[in-house]
Amino acid sequence: MEVVPRPDDTEEWIWNETNANSVSSTGGKGWTAKLNSSDSVWEYSTQSDANVKMNELFEADSTNRRYKIIEV
């Protein structure tokens, strides 16, 4: 499991899509683990551990980023 941030320019409906296997005329669906080189990649073995970290990141982030857990 990885916790990934949502870039500001990604619309909510795209971010909430669960199927990343399709490609649309807007360039498809994609997520990134790092928005810039100083970001960390957070990887966990269990979803509950990833949820805890996601909540910590959300509460501490003053940029209003949204986070998502994905399985890799």
C-alpha atoms as a PDB file:
ATOM      1  CA  MET A   1       0.000   0.000   0.000  1.00  0.00           C
ATOM      2  CA  GLU A   2       1.206   3.529  -0.755  1.00  0.00           C
ATOM      3  CA  VAL A   3      -0.146   6.854   0.410  1.00  0.00           C
ATOM      4  CA  VAL A   4      -0.188   9.367  -2.437  1.00  0.00           C
ATOM      5  CA  PRO A   5      -1.097  13.073  -2.493  1.00  0.00           C
ATOM      6  CA  ARG A   6      -3.631  14.545  -4.892  1.00  0.00           C
ATOM      7  CA  PRO A   7      -2.250  17.361  -7.060  1.00  0.00           C
ATOM      8  CA  ASP A   8      -4.280  20.584  -6.805  1.00  0.00           C
ATOM      9  CA  ASP A   9      -5.232  20.506 -10.484  1.00  0.00           C
ATOM     10  CA  THR A  10      -6.816  17.026 -10.328  1.00  0.00           C
ATOM     11  CA  GLU A  11     -10.580  17.224 -10.142  1.00  0.00           C
ATOM     12  CA  GLU A  12     -12.402  15.389  -7.348  1.00  0.00           C
ATOM     13  CA  TRP A  13     -14.301  13.019  -9.696  1.00  0.00           C
ATOM     14  CA  ILE A  14     -11.050  11.903 -11.325  1.00  0.00           C
ATOM     15  CA  TRP A  15      -9.348  11.434  -7.953  1.00  0.00           C
ATOM     16  CA  ASN A  16     -12.221   9.242  -6.720  1.00  0.00           C
ATOM     17  CA  GLU A  17     -12.110   6.915  -9.737  1.00  0.00           C
ATOM     18  CA  THR A  18     -11.251   3.392  -8.650  1.00  0.00           C
ATOM     19  CA  ASN A  19     -10.436   1.966 -12.087  1.00  0.00           C
ATOM     20  CA  ALA A  20      -7.064   3.243 -13.302  1.00  0.00           C
ATOM     21  CA  ASN A  21      -6.983   0.820 -16.231  1.00  0.00           C
ATOM     22  CA  SER A  22      -8.908   3.005 -18.678  1.00  0.00           C
ATOM     23  CA  VAL A  23      -7.620   5.970 -20.649  1.00  0.00           C
ATOM     24  CA  SER A  24      -9.784   8.990 -21.425  1.00  0.00           C
ATOM     25  CA  SER A  25      -9.462  11.892 -23.847  1.00  0.00           C
ATOM     26  CA  THR A  26      -8.111  13.989 -20.960  1.00  0.00           C
ATOM     27  CA  GLY A  27      -5.007  11.843 -20.716  1.00  0.00           C
ATOM     28  CA  GLY A  28      -6.156   8.965 -18.576  1.00  0.00           C
ATOM     29  CA  LYS A  29      -5.903   8.471 -14.862  1.00  0.00           C
ATOM     30  CA  GLY A  30      -2.708   8.629 -12.908  1.00  0.00           C
ATOM     31  CA  TRP A  31      -1.414   9.216  -9.422  1.00  0.00           C
ATOM     32  CA  THR A  32       1.996  10.112  -8.157  1.00  0.00           C
ATOM     33  CA  ALA A  33       3.723   9.199  -4.933  1.00  0.00           C
ATOM     34  CA  LYS A  34       5.777  12.407  -5.005  1.00  0.00           C
ATOM     35  CA  LEU A  35       4.697  15.849  -6.189  1.00  0.00           C
ATOM     36  CA  ASN A  36       8.230  17.194  -5.868  1.00  0.00           C
ATOM     37  CA  SER A  37      11.686  15.847  -5.094  1.00  0.00           C
ATOM     38  CA  SER A  38      11.497  16.706  -1.392  1.00  0.00           C
ATOM     39  CA  ASP A  39       8.343  14.598  -0.818  1.00  0.00           C
ATOM     40  CA  SER A  40       8.589  11.164   0.789  1.00  0.00           C
ATOM     41  CA  VAL A  41       7.141   7.899  -0.471  1.00  0.00           C
ATOM     42  CA  TRP A  42       5.170   6.179   2.270  1.00  0.00           C
ATOM     43  CA  GLU A  43       4.805   2.405   1.862  1.00  0.00           C
ATOM     44  CA  TYR A  44       3.036   0.017   4.237  1.00  0.00           C
ATOM     45  CA  SER A  45       2.264  -3.685   4.414  1.00  0.00           C
ATOM     46  CA  THR A  46      -1.268  -3.240   5.773  1.00  0.00           C
ATOM     47  CA  GLN A  47      -4.108  -0.933   4.876  1.00  0.00           C
ATOM     48  CA  SER A  48      -4.698  -0.007   8.522  1.00  0.00           C
ATOM     49  CA  ASP A  49      -1.103   1.250   8.871  1.00  0.00           C
ATOM     50  CA  ALA A  50      -1.498   3.215   5.643  1.00  0.00           C
ATOM     51  CA  ASN A  51      -4.775   4.724   6.938  1.00  0.00           C
ATOM     52  CA  VAL A  52      -3.072   5.911  10.103  1.00  0.00           C
ATOM     53  CA  LYS A  53      -0.313   7.633   8.112  1.00  0.00           C
ATOM     54  CA  MET A  54      -2.779   9.119   5.625  1.00  0.00           C
ATOM     55  CA  ASN A  55      -4.744  10.693   8.488  1.00  0.00           C
ATOM     56  CA  GLU A  56      -1.546  12.038  10.083  1.00  0.00           C
ATOM     57  CA  LEU A  57      -0.452  13.590   6.782  1.00  0.00           C
ATOM     58  CA  PHE A  58      -3.874  15.113   6.140  1.00  0.00           C
ATOM     59  CA  GLU A  59      -4.055  16.685   9.606  1.00  0.00           C
ATOM     60  CA  ALA A  60      -0.518  18.112   9.386  1.00  0.00           C
ATOM     61  CA  ASP A  61      -0.721  19.431   5.800  1.00  0.00           C
ATOM     62  CA  SER A  62      -1.480  23.161   5.555  1.00  0.00           C
ATOM     63  CA  THR A  63      -1.586  23.035   1.723  1.00  0.00           C
ATOM     64  CA  ASN A  64      -5.006  21.337   1.693  1.00  0.00           C
ATOM     65  CA  ARG A  65      -3.606  18.304  -0.173  1.00  0.00           C
ATOM     66  CA  ARG A  66      -5.772  15.231  -0.332  1.00  0.00           C
ATOM     67  CA  TYR A  67      -4.261  11.771   0.141  1.00  0.00           C
ATOM     68  CA  LYS A  68      -5.213   8.375  -1.206  1.00  0.00           C
ATOM     69  CA  ILE A  69      -4.110   4.824  -0.426  1.00  0.00           C
ATOM     70  CA  ILE A  70      -3.323   2.655  -3.419  1.00  0.00           C
ATOM     71  CA  GLU A  71      -2.184  -0.935  -3.654  1.00  0.00           C
ATOM     72  CA  VAL A  72       0.981  -1.465  -5.684  1.00  0.00           C
END
